Amino acid sequence: MRKQPDRQRSRIRDRLEAMRSRAEKSTSWRVPVAYLLRLVNREGEVPVRARLTREDLVFLAEAREEVTLLANAALQILDLHHPKPSGGLSSDPDNPLRRCRACMTRWPCPTFRAVAHTLDP
């Protein structure tokens, strides 16, 4: 019998993989947006006809909520994983050893490094 945290982790992983899959299947709007921004009219709208695939529509339907969820998760991770002084003696008083408040590994901890690597390349 699997433990509850394993099922929860599996559900979360499945959801993240589905989000990534939808994003990878949809069309990037980076280039068209640069052009479309120049077409904004007085009402703040862009009167255009766009060709959207089924994958584009599925992605766009969920994108706002999914980005919000991921941003909230990243903020919670940053709130949990931040440095604290280790409290021990240091050979370099100007750069004392610090540890992560959540996982107690040396700062920067692997969790913070993973978030930083992803969001601040």
PDB file of N, CA and C in Angstrom:
ATOM      1  N   MET A   1       0.842  -1.179   0.000  1.00  0.00           N
ATOM      2  CA  MET A   1       0.000   0.000   0.000  1.00  0.00           C
ATOM      3  C   MET A   1       0.889   1.245   0.000  1.00  0.00           C
ATOM      4  N   ARG A   2       0.602   2.168  -0.933  1.00  0.00           N
ATOM      5  CA  ARG A   2       1.401   3.387  -1.036  1.00  0.00           C
ATOM      6  C   ARG A   2       0.948   4.404  -0.009  1.00  0.00           C
ATOM      7  N   LYS A   3       1.874   5.184   0.431  1.00  0.00           N
ATOM      8  CA  LYS A   3       1.566   6.222   1.403  1.00  0.00           C
ATOM      9  C   LYS A   3       0.890   7.401   0.710  1.00  0.00           C
ATOM     10  N   GLN A   4       0.118   8.164   1.465  1.00  0.00           N
ATOM     11  CA  GLN A   4      -0.586   9.339   0.948  1.00  0.00           C
ATOM     12  C   GLN A   4       0.364  10.353   0.311  1.00  0.00           C
ATOM     13  N   PRO A   5       1.498  10.701   0.929  1.00  0.00           N
ATOM     14  CA  PRO A   5       2.395  11.672   0.293  1.00  0.00           C
ATOM     15  C   PRO A   5       2.894  11.206  -1.077  1.00  0.00           C
ATOM     16  N   ASP A   6       3.071   9.892  -1.254  1.00  0.00           N
ATOM     17  CA  ASP A   6       3.505   9.383  -2.555  1.00  0.00           C
ATOM     18  C   ASP A   6       2.429   9.610  -3.612  1.00  0.00           C
ATOM     19  N   ARG A   7       1.167   9.389  -3.258  1.00  0.00           N
ATOM     20  CA  ARG A   7       0.069   9.628  -4.203  1.00  0.00           C
ATOM     21  C   ARG A   7      -0.044  11.118  -4.501  1.00  0.00           C
ATOM     22  N   GLN A   8       0.100  11.937  -3.484  1.00  0.00           N
ATOM     23  CA  GLN A   8       0.022  13.382  -3.677  1.00  0.00           C
ATOM     24  C   GLN A   8       1.165  13.855  -4.571  1.00  0.00           C
ATOM     25  N   ARG A   9       2.359  13.364  -4.309  1.00  0.00           N
ATOM     26  CA  ARG A   9       3.511  13.730  -5.135  1.00  0.00           C
ATOM     27  C   ARG A   9       3.280  13.290  -6.577  1.00  0.00           C
ATOM     28  N   SER A  10       2.728  12.110  -6.756  1.00  0.00           N
ATOM     29  CA  SER A  10       2.446  11.592  -8.090  1.00  0.00           C
ATOM     30  C   SER A  10       1.414  12.454  -8.814  1.00  0.00           C
ATOM     31  N   ARG A  11       0.357  12.864  -8.104  1.00  0.00           N
ATOM     32  CA  ARG A  11      -0.670  13.733  -8.698  1.00  0.00           C
ATOM     33  C   ARG A  11      -0.069  15.079  -9.099  1.00  0.00           C
ATOM     34  N   ILE A  12       0.763  15.641  -8.232  1.00  0.00           N
ATOM     35  CA  ILE A  12       1.388  16.928  -8.527  1.00  0.00           C
ATOM     36  C   ILE A  12       2.307  16.804  -9.729  1.00  0.00           C
ATOM     37  N   ARG A  13       3.112  15.749  -9.750  1.00  0.00           N
ATOM     38  CA  ARG A  13       4.018  15.521 -10.875  1.00  0.00           C
ATOM     39  C   ARG A  13       3.229  15.360 -12.171  1.00  0.00           C
ATOM     40  N   ASP A  14       2.135  14.589 -12.126  1.00  0.00           N
ATOM     41  CA  ASP A  14       1.304  14.398 -13.311  1.00  0.00           C
ATOM     42  C   ASP A  14       0.738  15.719 -13.806  1.00  0.00           C
ATOM     43  N   ARG A  15       0.289  16.557 -12.880  1.00  0.00           N
ATOM     44  CA  ARG A  15      -0.284  17.843 -13.273  1.00  0.00           C
ATOM     45  C   ARG A  15       0.773  18.742 -13.903  1.00  0.00           C
ATOM     46  N   LEU A  16       1.959  18.787 -13.300  1.00  0.00           N
ATOM     47  CA  LEU A  16       3.034  19.598 -13.862  1.00  0.00           C
ATOM     48  C   LEU A  16       3.463  19.091 -15.237  1.00  0.00           C
ATOM     49  N   GLU A  17       3.539  17.776 -15.394  1.00  0.00           N
ATOM     50  CA  GLU A  17       3.908  17.224 -16.695  1.00  0.00           C
ATOM     51  C   GLU A  17       2.842  17.521 -17.740  1.00  0.00           C
ATOM     52  N   ALA A  18       1.566  17.490 -17.350  1.00  0.00           N
ATOM     53  CA  ALA A  18       0.483  17.834 -18.283  1.00  0.00           C
ATOM     54  C   ALA A  18       0.569  19.302 -18.678  1.00  0.00           C
ATOM     55  N   MET A  19       0.880  20.167 -17.713  1.00  0.00           N
ATOM     56  CA  MET A  19       1.032  21.591 -18.008  1.00  0.00           C
ATOM     57  C   MET A  19       2.176  21.804 -19.002  1.00  0.00           C
ATOM     58  N   ARG A  20       3.281  21.130 -18.749  1.00  0.00           N
ATOM     59  CA  ARG A  20       4.432  21.269 -19.636  1.00  0.00           C
ATOM     60  C   ARG A  20       4.107  20.739 -21.031  1.00  0.00           C
ATOM     61  N   SER A  21       3.416  19.634 -21.088  1.00  0.00           N
ATOM     62  CA  SER A  21       3.052  19.048 -22.373  1.00  0.00           C
ATOM     63  C   SER A  21       2.153  19.977 -23.178  1.00  0.00           C
ATOM     64  N   ARG A  22       1.147  20.561 -22.522  1.00  0.00           N
ATOM     65  CA  ARG A  22       0.266  21.506 -23.223  1.00  0.00           C
ATOM     66  C   ARG A  22       1.055  22.708 -23.717  1.00  0.00           C
ATOM     67  N   ALA A  23       1.964  23.187 -22.903  1.00  0.00           N
ATOM     68  CA  ALA A  23       2.776  24.342 -23.301  1.00  0.00           C
ATOM     69  C   ALA A  23       3.661  24.004 -24.498  1.00  0.00           C
ATOM     70  N   GLU A  24       4.258  22.813 -24.495  1.00  0.00           N
ATOM     71  CA  GLU A  24       5.141  22.420 -25.588  1.00  0.00           C
ATOM     72  C   GLU A  24       4.382  22.201 -26.885  1.00  0.00           C
ATOM     73  N   LYS A  25       3.129  21.751 -26.806  1.00  0.00           N
ATOM     74  CA  LYS A  25       2.334  21.482 -28.005  1.00  0.00           C
ATOM     75  C   LYS A  25       1.735  22.751 -28.599  1.00  0.00           C
ATOM     76  N   SER A  26       1.576  23.789 -27.801  1.00  0.00           N
ATOM     77  CA  SER A  26       0.951  25.017 -28.300  1.00  0.00           C
ATOM     78  C   SER A  26       1.978  25.863 -29.043  1.00  0.00           C
ATOM     79  N   THR A  27       1.468  26.778 -29.823  1.00  0.00           N
ATOM     80  CA  THR A  27       2.303  27.662 -30.628  1.00  0.00           C
ATOM     81  C   THR A  27       2.815  28.816 -29.772  1.00  0.00           C
ATOM     82  N   SER A  28       4.080  29.155 -29.958  1.00  0.00           N
ATOM     83  CA  SER A  28       4.625  30.311 -29.255  1.00  0.00           C
ATOM     84  C   SER A  28       4.042  31.584 -29.853  1.00  0.00           C
ATOM     85  N   TRP A  29       3.637  32.485 -28.984  1.00  0.00           N
ATOM     86  CA  TRP A  29       3.062  33.749 -29.433  1.00  0.00           C
ATOM     87  C   TRP A  29       4.061  34.889 -29.299  1.00  0.00           C
ATOM     88  N   ARG A  30       5.306  34.622 -28.992  1.00  0.00           N
ATOM     89  CA  ARG A  30       6.300  35.671 -28.767  1.00  0.00           C
ATOM     90  C   ARG A  30       6.466  36.583 -29.984  1.00  0.00           C
ATOM     91  N   VAL A  31       6.658  36.039 -31.167  1.00  0.00           N
ATOM     92  CA  VAL A  31       6.854  36.856 -32.370  1.00  0.00           C
ATOM     93  C   VAL A  31       5.550  37.536 -32.793  1.00  0.00           C
ATOM     94  N   PRO A  32       4.426  36.806 -32.884  1.00  0.00           N
ATOM     95  CA  PRO A  32       3.187  37.484 -33.270  1.00  0.00           C
ATOM     96  C   PRO A  32       2.768  38.600 -32.307  1.00  0.00           C
ATOM     97  N   VAL A  33       3.059  38.452 -31.030  1.00  0.00           N
ATOM     98  CA  VAL A  33       2.660  39.474 -30.067  1.00  0.00           C
ATOM     99  C   VAL A  33       3.371  40.797 -30.354  1.00  0.00           C
ATOM    100  N   ALA A  34       4.634  40.743 -30.722  1.00  0.00           N
ATOM    101  CA  ALA A  34       5.363  41.980 -31.039  1.00  0.00           C
ATOM    102  C   ALA A  34       4.670  42.719 -32.180  1.00  0.00           C
ATOM    103  N   TYR A  35       4.214  41.993 -33.177  1.00  0.00           N
ATOM    104  CA  TYR A  35       3.487  42.602 -34.298  1.00  0.00           C
ATOM    105  C   TYR A  35       2.101  43.055 -33.851  1.00  0.00           C
ATOM    106  N   LEU A  36       1.389  42.223 -33.103  1.00  0.00           N
ATOM    107  CA  LEU A  36       0.019  42.536 -32.693  1.00  0.00           C
ATOM    108  C   LEU A  36      -0.060  43.748 -31.769  1.00  0.00           C
ATOM    109  N   LEU A  37       0.958  43.974 -30.958  1.00  0.00           N
ATOM    110  CA  LEU A  37       0.948  45.131 -30.062  1.00  0.00           C
ATOM    111  C   LEU A  37       0.868  46.446 -30.838  1.00  0.00           C
ATOM    112  N   ARG A  38       1.405  46.461 -32.044  1.00  0.00           N
ATOM    113  CA  ARG A  38       1.346  47.674 -32.869  1.00  0.00           C
ATOM    114  C   ARG A  38      -0.051  47.906 -33.444  1.00  0.00           C
ATOM    115  N   LEU A  39      -0.917  46.894 -33.374  1.00  0.00           N
ATOM    116  CA  LEU A  39      -2.255  46.992 -33.956  1.00  0.00           C
ATOM    117  C   LEU A  39      -3.348  47.337 -32.940  1.00  0.00           C
ATOM    118  N   VAL A  40      -2.957  47.592 -31.703  1.00  0.00           N
ATOM    119  CA  VAL A  40      -3.951  47.904 -30.673  1.00  0.00           C
ATOM    120  C   VAL A  40      -4.668  49.196 -31.063  1.00  0.00           C
ATOM    121  N   ASN A  41      -6.016  49.141 -31.073  1.00  0.00           N
ATOM    122  CA  ASN A  41      -6.798  50.318 -31.460  1.00  0.00           C
ATOM    123  C   ASN A  41      -7.136  51.184 -30.249  1.00  0.00           C
ATOM    124  N   ARG A  42      -7.948  52.213 -30.464  1.00  0.00           N
ATOM    125  CA  ARG A  42      -8.295  53.146 -29.377  1.00  0.00           C
ATOM    126  C   ARG A  42      -9.018  52.477 -28.219  1.00  0.00           C
ATOM    127  N   GLU A  43      -9.746  51.423 -28.508  1.00  0.00           N
ATOM    128  CA  GLU A  43     -10.475  50.693 -27.462  1.00  0.00           C
ATOM    129  C   GLU A  43      -9.561  49.713 -26.716  1.00  0.00           C
ATOM    130  N   GLY A  44      -8.320  49.636 -27.129  1.00  0.00           N
ATOM    131  CA  GLY A  44      -7.379  48.726 -26.478  1.00  0.00           C
ATOM    132  C   GLY A  44      -7.483  47.301 -26.979  1.00  0.00           C
ATOM    133  N   GLU A  45      -8.063  47.112 -28.144  1.00  0.00           N
ATOM    134  CA  GLU A  45      -8.237  45.771 -28.715  1.00  0.00           C
ATOM    135  C   GLU A  45      -7.453  45.648 -30.006  1.00  0.00           C
ATOM    136  N   VAL A  46      -7.203  44.406 -30.405  1.00  0.00           N
ATOM    137  CA  VAL A  46      -6.514  44.122 -31.653  1.00  0.00           C
ATOM    138  C   VAL A  46      -7.491  43.375 -32.557  1.00  0.00           C
ATOM    139  N   PRO A  47      -7.988  44.040 -33.602  1.00  0.00           N
ATOM    140  CA  PRO A  47      -8.937  43.384 -34.497  1.00  0.00           C
ATOM    141  C   PRO A  47      -8.209  42.499 -35.517  1.00  0.00           C
ATOM    142  N   VAL A  48      -7.969  41.251 -35.172  1.00  0.00           N
ATOM    143  CA  VAL A  48      -7.266  40.337 -36.076  1.00  0.00           C
ATOM    144  C   VAL A  48      -7.987  38.998 -36.116  1.00  0.00           C
ATOM    145  N   ARG A  49      -7.662  38.268 -37.147  1.00  0.00           N
ATOM    146  CA  ARG A  49      -8.117  36.886 -37.251  1.00  0.00           C
ATOM    147  C   ARG A  49      -6.886  36.025 -37.020  1.00  0.00           C
ATOM    148  N   ALA A  50      -7.033  35.071 -36.151  1.00  0.00           N
ATOM    149  CA  ALA A  50      -5.888  34.215 -35.826  1.00  0.00           C
ATOM    150  C   ALA A  50      -6.245  32.764 -36.098  1.00  0.00           C
ATOM    151  N   ARG A  51      -5.255  32.015 -36.505  1.00  0.00           N
ATOM    152  CA  ARG A  51      -5.434  30.574 -36.691  1.00  0.00           C
ATOM    153  C   ARG A  51      -4.902  29.891 -35.439  1.00  0.00           C
ATOM    154  N   LEU A  52      -5.794  29.228 -34.750  1.00  0.00           N
ATOM    155  CA  LEU A  52      -5.423  28.542 -33.519  1.00  0.00           C
ATOM    156  C   LEU A  52      -5.678  27.050 -33.662  1.00  0.00           C
ATOM    157  N   THR A  53      -4.725  26.276 -33.222  1.00  0.00           N
ATOM    158  CA  THR A  53      -4.916  24.823 -33.217  1.00  0.00           C
ATOM    159  C   THR A  53      -5.684  24.427 -31.960  1.00  0.00           C
ATOM    160  N   ARG A  54      -6.116  23.193 -31.916  1.00  0.00           N
ATOM    161  CA  ARG A  54      -6.794  22.695 -30.717  1.00  0.00           C
ATOM    162  C   ARG A  54      -5.869  22.807 -29.509  1.00  0.00           C
ATOM    163  N   GLU A  55      -4.581  22.476 -29.695  1.00  0.00           N
ATOM    164  CA  GLU A  55      -3.608  22.553 -28.613  1.00  0.00           C
ATOM    165  C   GLU A  55      -3.438  23.983 -28.110  1.00  0.00           C
ATOM    166  N   ASP A  56      -3.474  24.944 -29.040  1.00  0.00           N
ATOM    167  CA  ASP A  56      -3.381  26.356 -28.639  1.00  0.00           C
ATOM    168  C   ASP A  56      -4.549  26.737 -27.740  1.00  0.00           C
ATOM    169  N   LEU A  57      -5.743  26.343 -28.128  1.00  0.00           N
ATOM    170  CA  LEU A  57      -6.935  26.692 -27.354  1.00  0.00           C
ATOM    171  C   LEU A  57      -6.933  26.047 -25.979  1.00  0.00           C
ATOM    172  N   VAL A  58      -6.533  24.779 -25.918  1.00  0.00           N
ATOM    173  CA  VAL A  58      -6.475  24.091 -24.620  1.00  0.00           C
ATOM    174  C   VAL A  58      -5.449  24.776 -23.725  1.00  0.00           C
ATOM    175  N   PHE A  59      -4.299  25.098 -24.278  1.00  0.00           N
ATOM    176  CA  PHE A  59      -3.259  25.783 -23.509  1.00  0.00           C
ATOM    177  C   PHE A  59      -3.740  27.147 -23.026  1.00  0.00           C
ATOM    178  N   LEU A  60      -4.304  27.942 -23.920  1.00  0.00           N
ATOM    179  CA  LEU A  60      -4.755  29.281 -23.558  1.00  0.00           C
ATOM    180  C   LEU A  60      -5.883  29.252 -22.530  1.00  0.00           C
ATOM    181  N   ALA A  61      -6.724  28.237 -22.598  1.00  0.00           N
ATOM    182  CA  ALA A  61      -7.838  28.138 -21.656  1.00  0.00           C
ATOM    183  C   ALA A  61      -7.356  27.980 -20.221  1.00  0.00           C
ATOM    184  N   GLU A  62      -6.237  27.312 -20.030  1.00  0.00           N
ATOM    185  CA  GLU A  62      -5.732  27.025 -18.687  1.00  0.00           C
ATOM    186  C   GLU A  62      -4.519  27.847 -18.292  1.00  0.00           C
ATOM    187  N   ALA A  63      -3.927  28.564 -19.218  1.00  0.00           N
ATOM    188  CA  ALA A  63      -2.619  29.199 -18.980  1.00  0.00           C
ATOM    189  C   ALA A  63      -2.610  30.160 -17.802  1.00  0.00           C
ATOM    190  N   ARG A  64      -3.585  31.019 -17.704  1.00  0.00           N
ATOM    191  CA  ARG A  64      -3.579  32.022 -16.637  1.00  0.00           C
ATOM    192  C   ARG A  64      -3.588  31.366 -15.263  1.00  0.00           C
ATOM    193  N   GLU A  65      -4.489  30.411 -15.073  1.00  0.00           N
ATOM    194  CA  GLU A  65      -4.591  29.742 -13.774  1.00  0.00           C
ATOM    195  C   GLU A  65      -3.334  28.930 -13.469  1.00  0.00           C
ATOM    196  N   GLU A  66      -2.780  28.267 -14.489  1.00  0.00           N
ATOM    197  CA  GLU A  66      -1.594  27.454 -14.266  1.00  0.00           C
ATOM    198  C   GLU A  66      -0.373  28.308 -13.952  1.00  0.00           C
ATOM    199  N   VAL A  67      -0.217  29.417 -14.630  1.00  0.00           N
ATOM    200  CA  VAL A  67       0.910  30.311 -14.334  1.00  0.00           C
ATOM    201  C   VAL A  67       0.772  30.865 -12.920  1.00  0.00           C
ATOM    202  N   THR A  68      -0.450  31.207 -12.529  1.00  0.00           N
ATOM    203  CA  THR A  68      -0.688  31.700 -11.169  1.00  0.00           C
ATOM    204  C   THR A  68      -0.329  30.637 -10.140  1.00  0.00           C
ATOM    205  N   LEU A  69      -0.760  29.393 -10.378  1.00  0.00           N
ATOM    206  CA  LEU A  69      -0.430  28.300  -9.452  1.00  0.00           C
ATOM    207  C   LEU A  69       1.076  28.107  -9.337  1.00  0.00           C
ATOM    208  N   LEU A  70       1.764  28.101 -10.462  1.00  0.00           N
ATOM    209  CA  LEU A  70       3.214  27.891 -10.439  1.00  0.00           C
ATOM    210  C   LEU A  70       3.944  29.057  -9.777  1.00  0.00           C
ATOM    211  N   ALA A  71       3.485  30.272 -10.028  1.00  0.00           N
ATOM    212  CA  ALA A  71       4.105  31.431  -9.389  1.00  0.00           C
ATOM    213  C   ALA A  71       3.898  31.373  -7.881  1.00  0.00           C
ATOM    214  N   ASN A  72       2.703  31.021  -7.439  1.00  0.00           N
ATOM    215  CA  ASN A  72       2.438  30.890  -6.006  1.00  0.00           C
ATOM    216  C   ASN A  72       3.302  29.805  -5.385  1.00  0.00           C
ATOM    217  N   ALA A  73       3.449  28.685  -6.079  1.00  0.00           N
ATOM    218  CA  ALA A  73       4.288  27.598  -5.567  1.00  0.00           C
ATOM    219  C   ALA A  73       5.741  28.050  -5.443  1.00  0.00           C
ATOM    220  N   ALA A  74       6.240  28.740  -6.457  1.00  0.00           N
ATOM    221  CA  ALA A  74       7.627  29.226  -6.412  1.00  0.00           C
ATOM    222  C   ALA A  74       7.815  30.232  -5.278  1.00  0.00           C
ATOM    223  N   LEU A  75       6.837  31.091  -5.063  1.00  0.00           N
ATOM    224  CA  LEU A  75       6.934  32.053  -3.957  1.00  0.00           C
ATOM    225  C   LEU A  75       6.934  31.348  -2.605  1.00  0.00           C
ATOM    226  N   GLN A  76       6.128  30.312  -2.459  1.00  0.00           N
ATOM    227  CA  GLN A  76       6.121  29.552  -1.203  1.00  0.00           C
ATOM    228  C   GLN A  76       7.455  28.849  -0.989  1.00  0.00           C
ATOM    229  N   ILE A  77       8.031  28.323  -2.053  1.00  0.00           N
ATOM    230  CA  ILE A  77       9.342  27.681  -1.945  1.00  0.00           C
ATOM    231  C   ILE A  77      10.384  28.709  -1.503  1.00  0.00           C
ATOM    232  N   LEU A  78      10.343  29.905  -2.093  1.00  0.00           N
ATOM    233  CA  LEU A  78      11.293  30.944  -1.704  1.00  0.00           C
ATOM    234  C   LEU A  78      11.077  31.387  -0.258  1.00  0.00           C
ATOM    235  N   ASP A  79       9.820  31.431   0.179  1.00  0.00           N
ATOM    236  CA  ASP A  79       9.537  31.790   1.573  1.00  0.00           C
ATOM    237  C   ASP A  79      10.085  30.736   2.538  1.00  0.00           C
ATOM    238  N   LEU A  80      10.031  29.482   2.137  1.00  0.00           N
ATOM    239  CA  LEU A  80      10.532  28.401   2.997  1.00  0.00           C
ATOM    240  C   LEU A  80      12.055  28.301   2.966  1.00  0.00           C
ATOM    241  N   HIS A  81      12.611  28.396   1.791  1.00  0.00           N
ATOM    242  CA  HIS A  81      14.050  28.178   1.613  1.00  0.00           C
ATOM    243  C   HIS A  81      14.768  29.513   1.492  1.00  0.00           C
ATOM    244  N   HIS A  82      15.234  30.007   2.628  1.00  0.00           N
ATOM    245  CA  HIS A  82      16.043  31.220   2.648  1.00  0.00           C
ATOM    246  C   HIS A  82      17.122  31.050   3.718  1.00  0.00           C
ATOM    247  N   PRO A  83      18.175  31.843   3.605  1.00  0.00           N
ATOM    248  CA  PRO A  83      19.318  31.616   4.491  1.00  0.00           C
ATOM    249  C   PRO A  83      19.105  32.135   5.903  1.00  0.00           C
ATOM    250  N   LYS A  84      19.823  31.509   6.803  1.00  0.00           N
ATOM    251  CA  LYS A  84      19.910  31.997   8.182  1.00  0.00           C
ATOM    252  C   LYS A  84      21.353  31.802   8.616  1.00  0.00           C
ATOM    253  N   PRO A  85      21.833  32.604   9.531  1.00  0.00           N
ATOM    254  CA  PRO A  85      23.198  32.406  10.021  1.00  0.00           C
ATOM    255  C   PRO A  85      23.305  31.038  10.688  1.00  0.00           C
ATOM    256  N   SER A  86      24.430  30.387  10.476  1.00  0.00           N
ATOM    257  CA  SER A  86      24.586  29.052  11.056  1.00  0.00           C
ATOM    258  C   SER A  86      24.882  29.120  12.547  1.00  0.00           C
ATOM    259  N   GLY A  87      25.340  30.242  13.023  1.00  0.00           N
ATOM    260  CA  GLY A  87      25.583  30.402  14.451  1.00  0.00           C
ATOM    261  C   GLY A  87      26.924  29.883  14.916  1.00  0.00           C
ATOM    262  N   GLY A  88      27.682  29.280  14.037  1.00  0.00           N
ATOM    263  CA  GLY A  88      28.979  28.743  14.432  1.00  0.00           C
ATOM    264  C   GLY A  88      30.097  29.731  14.192  1.00  0.00           C
ATOM    265  N   LEU A  89      31.287  29.337  14.591  1.00  0.00           N
ATOM    266  CA  LEU A  89      32.471  30.154  14.348  1.00  0.00           C
ATOM    267  C   LEU A  89      32.842  30.067  12.874  1.00  0.00           C
ATOM    268  N   SER A  90      33.356  31.151  12.359  1.00  0.00           N
ATOM    269  CA  SER A  90      33.736  31.189  10.957  1.00  0.00           C
ATOM    270  C   SER A  90      35.139  31.751  10.837  1.00  0.00           C
ATOM    271  N   SER A  91      35.884  31.215   9.899  1.00  0.00           N
ATOM    272  CA  SER A  91      37.233  31.739   9.664  1.00  0.00           C
ATOM    273  C   SER A  91      37.176  33.045   8.873  1.00  0.00           C
ATOM    274  N   ASP A  92      36.020  33.346   8.302  1.00  0.00           N
ATOM    275  CA  ASP A  92      35.840  34.585   7.543  1.00  0.00           C
ATOM    276  C   ASP A  92      34.638  35.333   8.115  1.00  0.00           C
ATOM    277  N   PRO A  93      34.852  36.228   9.096  1.00  0.00           N
ATOM    278  CA  PRO A  93      33.730  36.922   9.736  1.00  0.00           C
ATOM    279  C   PRO A  93      32.886  37.763   8.781  1.00  0.00           C
ATOM    280  N   ASP A  94      33.473  38.211   7.660  1.00  0.00           N
ATOM    281  CA  ASP A  94      32.711  38.996   6.689  1.00  0.00           C
ATOM    282  C   ASP A  94      31.762  38.122   5.851  1.00  0.00           C
ATOM    283  N   ASN A  95      32.046  36.843   5.744  1.00  0.00           N
ATOM    284  CA  ASN A  95      31.217  35.904   4.984  1.00  0.00           C
ATOM    285  C   ASN A  95      30.944  34.661   5.828  1.00  0.00           C
ATOM    286  N   PRO A  96      30.123  34.785   6.859  1.00  0.00           N
ATOM    287  CA  PRO A  96      29.883  33.638   7.731  1.00  0.00           C
ATOM    288  C   PRO A  96      29.112  32.532   7.003  1.00  0.00           C
ATOM    289  N   LEU A  97      29.298  31.332   7.468  1.00  0.00           N
ATOM    290  CA  LEU A  97      28.594  30.181   6.926  1.00  0.00           C
ATOM    291  C   LEU A  97      27.103  30.350   7.191  1.00  0.00           C
ATOM    292  N   ARG A  98      26.292  30.086   6.179  1.00  0.00           N
ATOM    293  CA  ARG A  98      24.846  30.176   6.339  1.00  0.00           C
ATOM    294  C   ARG A  98      24.200  28.866   5.921  1.00  0.00           C
ATOM    295  N   ARG A  99      23.034  28.593   6.504  1.00  0.00           N
ATOM    296  CA  ARG A  99      22.282  27.387   6.185  1.00  0.00           C
ATOM    297  C   ARG A  99      20.858  27.775   5.820  1.00  0.00           C
ATOM    298  N   CYS A 100      20.200  26.886   5.083  1.00  0.00           N
ATOM    299  CA  CYS A 100      18.809  27.101   4.700  1.00  0.00           C
ATOM    300  C   CYS A 100      17.914  26.866   5.909  1.00  0.00           C
ATOM    301  N   ARG A 101      16.955  27.744   6.135  1.00  0.00           N
ATOM    302  CA  ARG A 101      16.035  27.603   7.268  1.00  0.00           C
ATOM    303  C   ARG A 101      15.176  26.351   7.157  1.00  0.00           C
ATOM    304  N   ALA A 102      14.837  25.914   5.951  1.00  0.00           N
ATOM    305  CA  ALA A 102      13.930  24.778   5.781  1.00  0.00           C
ATOM    306  C   ALA A 102      14.655  23.437   5.807  1.00  0.00           C
ATOM    307  N   CYS A 103      15.701  23.309   5.013  1.00  0.00           N
ATOM    308  CA  CYS A 103      16.336  21.988   4.890  1.00  0.00           C
ATOM    309  C   CYS A 103      17.671  21.895   5.629  1.00  0.00           C
ATOM    310  N   MET A 104      18.139  23.004   6.159  1.00  0.00           N
ATOM    311  CA  MET A 104      19.359  23.070   6.970  1.00  0.00           C
ATOM    312  C   MET A 104      20.631  22.682   6.221  1.00  0.00           C
ATOM    313  N   THR A 105      20.571  22.612   4.897  1.00  0.00           N
ATOM    314  CA  THR A 105      21.807  22.381   4.145  1.00  0.00           C
ATOM    315  C   THR A 105      22.497  23.716   3.929  1.00  0.00           C
ATOM    316  N   ARG A 106      23.748  23.644   3.542  1.00  0.00           N
ATOM    317  CA  ARG A 106      24.528  24.853   3.333  1.00  0.00           C
ATOM    318  C   ARG A 106      23.888  25.728   2.263  1.00  0.00           C
ATOM    319  N   TRP A 107      23.900  27.042   2.522  1.00  0.00           N
ATOM    320  CA  TRP A 107      23.274  27.980   1.596  1.00  0.00           C
ATOM    321  C   TRP A 107      24.210  28.324   0.460  1.00  0.00           C
ATOM    322  N   PRO A 108      23.729  28.401  -0.772  1.00  0.00           N
ATOM    323  CA  PRO A 108      22.366  28.181  -1.213  1.00  0.00           C
ATOM    324  C   PRO A 108      22.050  26.695  -1.305  1.00  0.00           C
ATOM    325  N   CYS A 109      20.886  26.321  -0.796  1.00  0.00           N
ATOM    326  CA  CYS A 109      20.485  24.913  -0.760  1.00  0.00           C
ATOM    327  C   CYS A 109      20.098  24.447  -2.166  1.00  0.00           C
ATOM    328  N   PRO A 110      20.042  23.130  -2.378  1.00  0.00           N
ATOM    329  CA  PRO A 110      19.689  22.605  -3.701  1.00  0.00           C
ATOM    330  C   PRO A 110      18.322  23.080  -4.197  1.00  0.00           C
ATOM    331  N   THR A 111      17.369  23.235  -3.300  1.00  0.00           N
ATOM    332  CA  THR A 111      16.038  23.691  -3.709  1.00  0.00           C
ATOM    333  C   THR A 111      16.109  25.108  -4.247  1.00  0.00           C
ATOM    334  N   PHE A 112      16.780  25.994  -3.531  1.00  0.00           N
ATOM    335  CA  PHE A 112      16.912  27.376  -3.994  1.00  0.00           C
ATOM    336  C   PHE A 112      17.690  27.423  -5.302  1.00  0.00           C
ATOM    337  N   ARG A 113      18.749  26.634  -5.414  1.00  0.00           N
ATOM    338  CA  ARG A 113      19.545  26.619  -6.644  1.00  0.00           C
ATOM    339  C   ARG A 113      18.697  26.178  -7.834  1.00  0.00           C
ATOM    340  N   ALA A 114      17.824  25.177  -7.632  1.00  0.00           N
ATOM    341  CA  ALA A 114      16.960  24.707  -8.719  1.00  0.00           C
ATOM    342  C   ALA A 114      15.989  25.800  -9.161  1.00  0.00           C
ATOM    343  N   VAL A 115      15.389  26.495  -8.207  1.00  0.00           N
ATOM    344  CA  VAL A 115      14.477  27.589  -8.545  1.00  0.00           C
ATOM    345  C   VAL A 115      15.240  28.707  -9.239  1.00  0.00           C
ATOM    346  N   ALA A 116      16.388  29.070  -8.711  1.00  0.00           N
ATOM    347  CA  ALA A 116      17.186  30.146  -9.290  1.00  0.00           C
ATOM    348  C   ALA A 116      17.647  29.791 -10.697  1.00  0.00           C
ATOM    349  N   HIS A 117      18.065  28.548 -10.899  1.00  0.00           N
ATOM    350  CA  HIS A 117      18.533  28.108 -12.208  1.00  0.00           C
ATOM    351  C   HIS A 117      17.400  28.193 -13.235  1.00  0.00           C
ATOM    352  N   THR A 118      16.192  27.864 -12.809  1.00  0.00           N
ATOM    353  CA  THR A 118      15.048  27.886 -13.714  1.00  0.00           C
ATOM    354  C   THR A 118      14.561  29.294 -14.005  1.00  0.00           C
ATOM    355  N   LEU A 119      14.478  30.124 -12.971  1.00  0.00           N
ATOM    356  CA  LEU A 119      13.851  31.436 -13.129  1.00  0.00           C
ATOM    357  C   LEU A 119      14.830  32.587 -13.315  1.00  0.00           C
ATOM    358  N   ASP A 120      16.093  32.377 -13.030  1.00  0.00           N
ATOM    359  CA  ASP A 120      17.082  33.447 -13.138  1.00  0.00           C
ATOM    360  C   ASP A 120      18.343  32.903 -13.818  1.00  0.00           C
ATOM    361  N   PRO A 121      18.199  32.490 -15.097  1.00  0.00           N
ATOM    362  CA  PRO A 121      19.331  31.817 -15.770  1.00  0.00           C
ATOM    363  C   PRO A 121      20.522  32.701 -16.017  1.00  0.00           C
TER     364      PRO A 121
END
